[in-house]
């Protein structure tokens, strides 16, 4: 789902679409928690490694997703 569709639904104030997106989001989270979805995370990195990871993504050296662990405040 693209963020433009979600943003458009919320900015337009169209309640039926907002409810549909909530239902979809709830179901996706339920399936993820149940281990029924594979988010294709290839690597978890520290915040400082983001520039290098972006370069590898740009060069298409990564097939899955890279998740950055944010520092605790």
PDB file of N, CA and C in Angstrom:
ATOM      1  N   UNK A   1       0.863  -1.164   0.000  1.00  0.00           N
ATOM      2  CA  UNK A   1       0.000   0.000   0.000  1.00  0.00           C
ATOM      3  C   UNK A   1       0.910   1.228   0.000  1.00  0.00           C
ATOM      4  N   UNK A   2       0.611   2.142  -0.793  1.00  0.00           N
ATOM      5  CA  UNK A   2       1.460   3.321  -0.936  1.00  0.00           C
ATOM      6  C   UNK A   2       1.007   4.420   0.026  1.00  0.00           C
ATOM      7  N   UNK A   3       1.976   5.134   0.580  1.00  0.00           N
ATOM      8  CA  UNK A   3       1.639   6.166   1.568  1.00  0.00           C
ATOM      9  C   UNK A   3       0.749   7.270   1.018  1.00  0.00           C
ATOM     10  N   UNK A   4       0.754   7.469  -0.296  1.00  0.00           N
ATOM     11  CA  UNK A   4      -0.121   8.484  -0.888  1.00  0.00           C
ATOM     12  C   UNK A   4      -1.583   8.084  -0.715  1.00  0.00           C
ATOM     13  N   UNK A   5      -1.888   6.800  -0.903  1.00  0.00           N
ATOM     14  CA  UNK A   5      -3.262   6.330  -0.746  1.00  0.00           C
ATOM     15  C   UNK A   5      -3.725   6.495   0.693  1.00  0.00           C
ATOM     16  N   UNK A   6      -2.881   6.132   1.625  1.00  0.00           N
ATOM     17  CA  UNK A   6      -3.234   6.263   3.043  1.00  0.00           C
ATOM     18  C   UNK A   6      -3.377   7.733   3.405  1.00  0.00           C
ATOM     19  N   UNK A   7      -2.411   8.550   2.999  1.00  0.00           N
ATOM     20  CA  UNK A   7      -2.478   9.980   3.291  1.00  0.00           C
ATOM     21  C   UNK A   7      -3.695  10.625   2.665  1.00  0.00           C
ATOM     22  N   UNK A   8      -3.994  10.246   1.423  1.00  0.00           N
ATOM     23  CA  UNK A   8      -5.162  10.801   0.744  1.00  0.00           C
ATOM     24  C   UNK A   8      -6.453  10.468   1.459  1.00  0.00           C
ATOM     25  N   UNK A   9      -6.560   9.240   1.953  1.00  0.00           N
ATOM     26  CA  UNK A   9      -7.774   8.830   2.670  1.00  0.00           C
ATOM     27  C   UNK A   9      -7.953   9.646   3.943  1.00  0.00           C
ATOM     28  N   UNK A  10      -6.873   9.885   4.665  1.00  0.00           N
ATOM     29  CA  UNK A  10      -6.998  10.620   5.923  1.00  0.00           C
ATOM     30  C   UNK A  10      -7.188  12.115   5.706  1.00  0.00           C
ATOM     31  N   UNK A  11      -6.484  12.680   4.726  1.00  0.00           N
ATOM     32  CA  UNK A  11      -6.638  14.108   4.484  1.00  0.00           C
ATOM     33  C   UNK A  11      -8.001  14.447   3.889  1.00  0.00           C
ATOM     34  N   UNK A  12      -8.580  13.502   3.138  1.00  0.00           N
ATOM     35  CA  UNK A  12      -9.890  13.764   2.531  1.00  0.00           C
ATOM     36  C   UNK A  12     -11.012  13.670   3.551  1.00  0.00           C
ATOM     37  N   UNK A  13     -10.745  12.977   4.664  1.00  0.00           N
ATOM     38  CA  UNK A  13     -11.778  12.813   5.678  1.00  0.00           C
ATOM     39  C   UNK A  13     -12.838  11.788   5.294  1.00  0.00           C
ATOM     40  N   UNK A  14     -12.563  10.947   4.298  1.00  0.00           N
ATOM     41  CA  UNK A  14     -13.516   9.938   3.845  1.00  0.00           C
ATOM     42  C   UNK A  14     -13.517   8.767   4.824  1.00  0.00           C
ATOM     43  N   UNK A  15     -14.509   8.741   5.724  1.00  0.00           N
ATOM     44  CA  UNK A  15     -14.543   7.771   6.820  1.00  0.00           C
ATOM     45  C   UNK A  15     -14.608   6.316   6.373  1.00  0.00           C
ATOM     46  N   UNK A  16     -15.386   5.950   5.345  1.00  0.00           N
ATOM     47  CA  UNK A  16     -15.392   4.540   4.936  1.00  0.00           C
ATOM     48  C   UNK A  16     -14.006   4.045   4.505  1.00  0.00           C
ATOM     49  N   UNK A  17     -13.267   4.871   3.781  1.00  0.00           N
ATOM     50  CA  UNK A  17     -11.917   4.484   3.359  1.00  0.00           C
ATOM     51  C   UNK A  17     -10.988   4.398   4.552  1.00  0.00           C
ATOM     52  N   UNK A  18     -11.105   5.335   5.484  1.00  0.00           N
ATOM     53  CA  UNK A  18     -10.284   5.283   6.695  1.00  0.00           C
ATOM     54  C   UNK A  18     -10.542   3.992   7.464  1.00  0.00           C
ATOM     55  N   UNK A  19     -11.807   3.591   7.579  1.00  0.00           N
ATOM     56  CA  UNK A  19     -12.145   2.338   8.275  1.00  0.00           C
ATOM     57  C   UNK A  19     -11.568   1.137   7.533  1.00  0.00           C
ATOM     58  N   UNK A  20     -11.633   1.164   6.201  1.00  0.00           N
ATOM     59  CA  UNK A  20     -11.070   0.062   5.411  1.00  0.00           C
ATOM     60  C   UNK A  20      -9.574  -0.071   5.652  1.00  0.00           C
ATOM     61  N   UNK A  21      -8.857   1.055   5.633  1.00  0.00           N
ATOM     62  CA  UNK A  21      -7.413   1.011   5.871  1.00  0.00           C
ATOM     63  C   UNK A  21      -7.097   0.527   7.283  1.00  0.00           C
ATOM     64  N   UNK A  22      -7.909   0.902   8.262  1.00  0.00           N
ATOM     65  CA  UNK A  22      -7.703   0.427   9.626  1.00  0.00           C
ATOM     66  C   UNK A  22      -7.876  -1.088   9.686  1.00  0.00           C
ATOM     67  N   UNK A  23      -8.916  -1.589   9.027  1.00  0.00           N
ATOM     68  CA  UNK A  23      -9.152  -3.033   8.995  1.00  0.00           C
ATOM     69  C   UNK A  23      -7.981  -3.765   8.342  1.00  0.00           C
ATOM     70  N   UNK A  24      -7.507  -3.239   7.223  1.00  0.00           N
ATOM     71  CA  UNK A  24      -6.372  -3.836   6.518  1.00  0.00           C
ATOM     72  C   UNK A  24      -5.134  -3.816   7.414  1.00  0.00           C
ATOM     73  N   UNK A  25      -4.859  -2.685   8.044  1.00  0.00           N
ATOM     74  CA  UNK A  25      -3.699  -2.568   8.929  1.00  0.00           C
ATOM     75  C   UNK A  25      -3.775  -3.515  10.106  1.00  0.00           C
ATOM     76  N   UNK A  26      -4.953  -3.613  10.720  1.00  0.00           N
ATOM     77  CA  UNK A  26      -5.131  -4.537  11.849  1.00  0.00           C
ATOM     78  C   UNK A  26      -4.876  -5.981  11.420  1.00  0.00           C
ATOM     79  N   UNK A  27      -5.393  -6.353  10.266  1.00  0.00           N
ATOM     80  CA  UNK A  27      -5.204  -7.728   9.777  1.00  0.00           C
ATOM     81  C   UNK A  27      -3.744  -8.007   9.439  1.00  0.00           C
ATOM     82  N   UNK A  28      -3.069  -7.041   8.829  1.00  0.00           N
ATOM     83  CA  UNK A  28      -1.645  -7.214   8.533  1.00  0.00           C
ATOM     84  C   UNK A  28      -0.831  -7.395   9.813  1.00  0.00           C
ATOM     85  N   UNK A  29      -1.122  -6.588  10.830  1.00  0.00           N
ATOM     86  CA  UNK A  29      -0.393  -6.708  12.098  1.00  0.00           C
ATOM     87  C   UNK A  29      -0.695  -8.050  12.773  1.00  0.00           C
ATOM     88  N   UNK A  30      -1.938  -8.522  12.695  1.00  0.00           N
ATOM     89  CA  UNK A  30      -2.292  -9.814  13.278  1.00  0.00           C
ATOM     90  C   UNK A  30      -1.509 -10.938  12.605  1.00  0.00           C
ATOM     91  N   UNK A  31      -1.453 -10.899  11.281  1.00  0.00           N
ATOM     92  CA  UNK A  31      -0.725 -11.934  10.539  1.00  0.00           C
ATOM     93  C   UNK A  31       0.774 -11.866  10.796  1.00  0.00           C
ATOM     94  N   UNK A  32       1.314 -10.668  10.906  1.00  0.00           N
ATOM     95  CA  UNK A  32       2.731 -10.507  11.202  1.00  0.00           C
ATOM     96  C   UNK A  32       3.058 -11.082  12.581  1.00  0.00           C
ATOM     97  N   UNK A  33       2.237 -10.748  13.582  1.00  0.00           N
ATOM     98  CA  UNK A  33       2.452 -11.249  14.941  1.00  0.00           C
ATOM     99  C   UNK A  33       2.323 -12.770  15.001  1.00  0.00           C
ATOM    100  N   UNK A  34       1.479 -13.339  14.149  1.00  0.00           N
ATOM    101  CA  UNK A  34       1.268 -14.789  14.132  1.00  0.00           C
ATOM    102  C   UNK A  34       2.332 -15.520  13.302  1.00  0.00           C
ATOM    103  N   UNK A  35       3.266 -14.765  12.729  1.00  0.00           N
ATOM    104  CA  UNK A  35       4.307 -15.382  11.919  1.00  0.00           C
ATOM    105  C   UNK A  35       3.827 -15.829  10.551  1.00  0.00           C
ATOM    106  N   UNK A  36       2.736 -15.266  10.078  1.00  0.00           N
ATOM    107  CA  UNK A  36       2.175 -15.650   8.786  1.00  0.00           C
ATOM    108  C   UNK A  36       2.684 -14.791   7.638  1.00  0.00           C
ATOM    109  N   UNK A  37       3.458 -13.771   7.935  1.00  0.00           N
ATOM    110  CA  UNK A  37       4.024 -12.900   6.902  1.00  0.00           C
ATOM    111  C   UNK A  37       5.539 -12.850   7.062  1.00  0.00           C
ATOM    112  N   UNK A  38       6.215 -12.750   5.957  1.00  0.00           N
ATOM    113  CA  UNK A  38       7.664 -12.583   5.978  1.00  0.00           C
ATOM    114  C   UNK A  38       7.979 -11.177   5.474  1.00  0.00           C
ATOM    115  N   UNK A  39       8.386 -10.267   6.367  1.00  0.00           N
ATOM    116  CA  UNK A  39       8.661  -8.896   5.930  1.00  0.00           C
ATOM    117  C   UNK A  39       9.959  -8.766   5.126  1.00  0.00           C
ATOM    118  N   UNK A  40      10.660  -9.878   4.902  1.00  0.00           N
ATOM    119  CA  UNK A  40      11.890  -9.920   4.096  1.00  0.00           C
ATOM    120  C   UNK A  40      12.976  -8.987   4.638  1.00  0.00           C
ATOM    121  N   UNK A  41      13.149  -8.995   5.960  1.00  0.00           N
ATOM    122  CA  UNK A  41      14.219  -8.207   6.566  1.00  0.00           C
ATOM    123  C   UNK A  41      15.517  -8.972   6.369  1.00  0.00           C
ATOM    124  N   UNK A  42      16.426  -8.368   5.645  1.00  0.00           N
ATOM    125  CA  UNK A  42      17.714  -9.003   5.378  1.00  0.00           C
ATOM    126  C   UNK A  42      18.730  -8.691   6.469  1.00  0.00           C
ATOM    127  N   UNK A  43      18.584  -7.498   7.063  1.00  0.00           N
ATOM    128  CA  UNK A  43      19.630  -7.057   7.985  1.00  0.00           C
ATOM    129  C   UNK A  43      19.063  -5.999   8.931  1.00  0.00           C
ATOM    130  N   UNK A  44      19.514  -6.043  10.191  1.00  0.00           N
ATOM    131  CA  UNK A  44      19.189  -5.005  11.165  1.00  0.00           C
ATOM    132  C   UNK A  44      20.500  -4.302  11.486  1.00  0.00           C
ATOM    133  N   UNK A  45      20.491  -2.978  11.323  1.00  0.00           N
ATOM    134  CA  UNK A  45      21.727  -2.208  11.494  1.00  0.00           C
ATOM    135  C   UNK A  45      21.552  -1.163  12.584  1.00  0.00           C
ATOM    136  N   UNK A  46      22.686  -0.652  13.056  1.00  0.00           N
ATOM    137  CA  UNK A  46      22.664   0.478  13.983  1.00  0.00           C
ATOM    138  C   UNK A  46      22.445   1.767  13.200  1.00  0.00           C
ATOM    139  N   UNK A  47      22.002   2.785  13.902  1.00  0.00           N
ATOM    140  CA  UNK A  47      21.701   4.083  13.294  1.00  0.00           C
ATOM    141  C   UNK A  47      22.894   4.631  12.501  1.00  0.00           C
ATOM    142  N   UNK A  48      24.090   4.471  13.028  1.00  0.00           N
ATOM    143  CA  UNK A  48      25.285   5.019  12.382  1.00  0.00           C
ATOM    144  C   UNK A  48      25.588   4.354  11.033  1.00  0.00           C
ATOM    145  N   UNK A  49      25.064   3.164  10.793  1.00  0.00           N
ATOM    146  CA  UNK A  49      25.346   2.432   9.560  1.00  0.00           C
ATOM    147  C   UNK A  49      24.380   2.777   8.424  1.00  0.00           C
ATOM    148  N   UNK A  50      23.456   3.693   8.652  1.00  0.00           N
ATOM    149  CA  UNK A  50      22.459   4.035   7.629  1.00  0.00           C
ATOM    150  C   UNK A  50      23.096   4.538   6.327  1.00  0.00           C
ATOM    151  N   UNK A  51      24.068   5.451   6.352  1.00  0.00           N
ATOM    152  CA  UNK A  51      24.635   5.917   5.075  1.00  0.00           C
ATOM    153  C   UNK A  51      25.207   4.776   4.225  1.00  0.00           C
ATOM    154  N   UNK A  52      25.923   3.857   4.841  1.00  0.00           N
ATOM    155  CA  UNK A  52      26.465   2.719   4.101  1.00  0.00           C
ATOM    156  C   UNK A  52      25.338   1.848   3.545  1.00  0.00           C
ATOM    157  N   UNK A  53      24.326   1.608   4.352  1.00  0.00           N
ATOM    158  CA  UNK A  53      23.201   0.775   3.913  1.00  0.00           C
ATOM    159  C   UNK A  53      22.467   1.416   2.738  1.00  0.00           C
ATOM    160  N   UNK A  54      22.294   2.726   2.773  1.00  0.00           N
ATOM    161  CA  UNK A  54      21.636   3.412   1.655  1.00  0.00           C
ATOM    162  C   UNK A  54      22.450   3.262   0.370  1.00  0.00           C
ATOM    163  N   UNK A  55      23.770   3.318   0.494  1.00  0.00           N
ATOM    164  CA  UNK A  55      24.626   3.113  -0.674  1.00  0.00           C
ATOM    165  C   UNK A  55      24.468   1.713  -1.243  1.00  0.00           C
ATOM    166  N   UNK A  56      24.410   0.698  -0.369  1.00  0.00           N
ATOM    167  CA  UNK A  56      24.226  -0.677  -0.835  1.00  0.00           C
ATOM    168  C   UNK A  56      22.860  -0.857  -1.480  1.00  0.00           C
ATOM    169  N   UNK A  57      21.833  -0.214  -0.926  1.00  0.00           N
ATOM    170  CA  UNK A  57      20.510  -0.267  -1.549  1.00  0.00           C
ATOM    171  C   UNK A  57      20.541   0.378  -2.931  1.00  0.00           C
ATOM    172  N   UNK A  58      21.186   1.530  -3.023  1.00  0.00           N
ATOM    173  CA  UNK A  58      21.268   2.252  -4.301  1.00  0.00           C
ATOM    174  C   UNK A  58      21.983   1.412  -5.364  1.00  0.00           C
ATOM    175  N   UNK A  59      23.019   0.666  -4.936  1.00  0.00           N
ATOM    176  CA  UNK A  59      23.774  -0.173  -5.872  1.00  0.00           C
ATOM    177  C   UNK A  59      23.110  -1.539  -6.089  1.00  0.00           C
ATOM    178  N   UNK A  60      21.944  -1.729  -5.482  1.00  0.00           N
ATOM    179  CA  UNK A  60      21.175  -2.977  -5.602  1.00  0.00           C
ATOM    180  C   UNK A  60      21.959  -4.183  -5.110  1.00  0.00           C
ATOM    181  N   UNK A  61      22.692  -3.998  -4.022  1.00  0.00           N
ATOM    182  CA  UNK A  61      23.453  -5.083  -3.418  1.00  0.00           C
ATOM    183  C   UNK A  61      22.654  -5.808  -2.337  1.00  0.00           C
ATOM    184  N   UNK A  62      21.436  -5.375  -2.112  1.00  0.00           N
ATOM    185  CA  UNK A  62      20.585  -5.925  -1.062  1.00  0.00           C
ATOM    186  C   UNK A  62      19.283  -6.388  -1.694  1.00  0.00           C
ATOM    187  N   UNK A  63      18.862  -7.614  -1.372  1.00  0.00           N
ATOM    188  CA  UNK A  63      17.616  -8.104  -1.962  1.00  0.00           C
ATOM    189  C   UNK A  63      16.423  -7.939  -1.027  1.00  0.00           C
ATOM    190  N   UNK A  64      16.662  -7.885   0.281  1.00  0.00           N
ATOM    191  CA  UNK A  64      15.579  -7.709   1.243  1.00  0.00           C
ATOM    192  C   UNK A  64      15.570  -6.291   1.787  1.00  0.00           C
ATOM    193  N   UNK A  65      14.976  -6.152   2.951  1.00  0.00           N
ATOM    194  CA  UNK A  65      14.895  -4.835   3.593  1.00  0.00           C
ATOM    195  C   UNK A  65      15.983  -4.695   4.645  1.00  0.00           C
ATOM    196  N   UNK A  66      16.424  -3.485   4.836  1.00  0.00           N
ATOM    197  CA  UNK A  66      17.360  -3.165   5.914  1.00  0.00           C
ATOM    198  C   UNK A  66      16.592  -2.330   6.925  1.00  0.00           C
ATOM    199  N   UNK A  67      16.626  -2.760   8.172  1.00  0.00           N
ATOM    200  CA  UNK A  67      15.928  -2.073   9.250  1.00  0.00           C
ATOM    201  C   UNK A  67      16.970  -1.418  10.147  1.00  0.00           C
ATOM    202  N   UNK A  68      16.790  -0.120  10.417  1.00  0.00           N
ATOM    203  CA  UNK A  68      17.720   0.606  11.284  1.00  0.00           C
ATOM    204  C   UNK A  68      17.164   0.639  12.702  1.00  0.00           C
ATOM    205  N   UNK A  69      17.994   0.227  13.641  1.00  0.00           N
ATOM    206  CA  UNK A  69      17.643   0.291  15.060  1.00  0.00           C
ATOM    207  C   UNK A  69      17.963   1.691  15.548  1.00  0.00           C
ATOM    208  N   UNK A  70      16.944   2.397  15.997  1.00  0.00           N
ATOM    209  CA  UNK A  70      17.113   3.778  16.453  1.00  0.00           C
ATOM    210  C   UNK A  70      17.636   3.792  17.886  1.00  0.00           C
ATOM    211  N   UNK A  71      18.527   4.732  18.185  1.00  0.00           N
ATOM    212  CA  UNK A  71      19.049   4.811  19.562  1.00  0.00           C
ATOM    213  C   UNK A  71      17.948   5.218  20.546  1.00  0.00           C
ATOM    214  N   UNK A  72      18.031   4.669  21.727  1.00  0.00           N
ATOM    215  CA  UNK A  72      17.064   4.989  22.777  1.00  0.00           C
ATOM    216  C   UNK A  72      17.437   6.342  23.359  1.00  0.00           C
ATOM    217  N   UNK A  73      16.453   7.219  23.488  1.00  0.00           N
ATOM    218  CA  UNK A  73      16.704   8.576  23.996  1.00  0.00           C
ATOM    219  C   UNK A  73      16.937   8.565  25.495  1.00  0.00           C
TER     220      UNK A  73
END
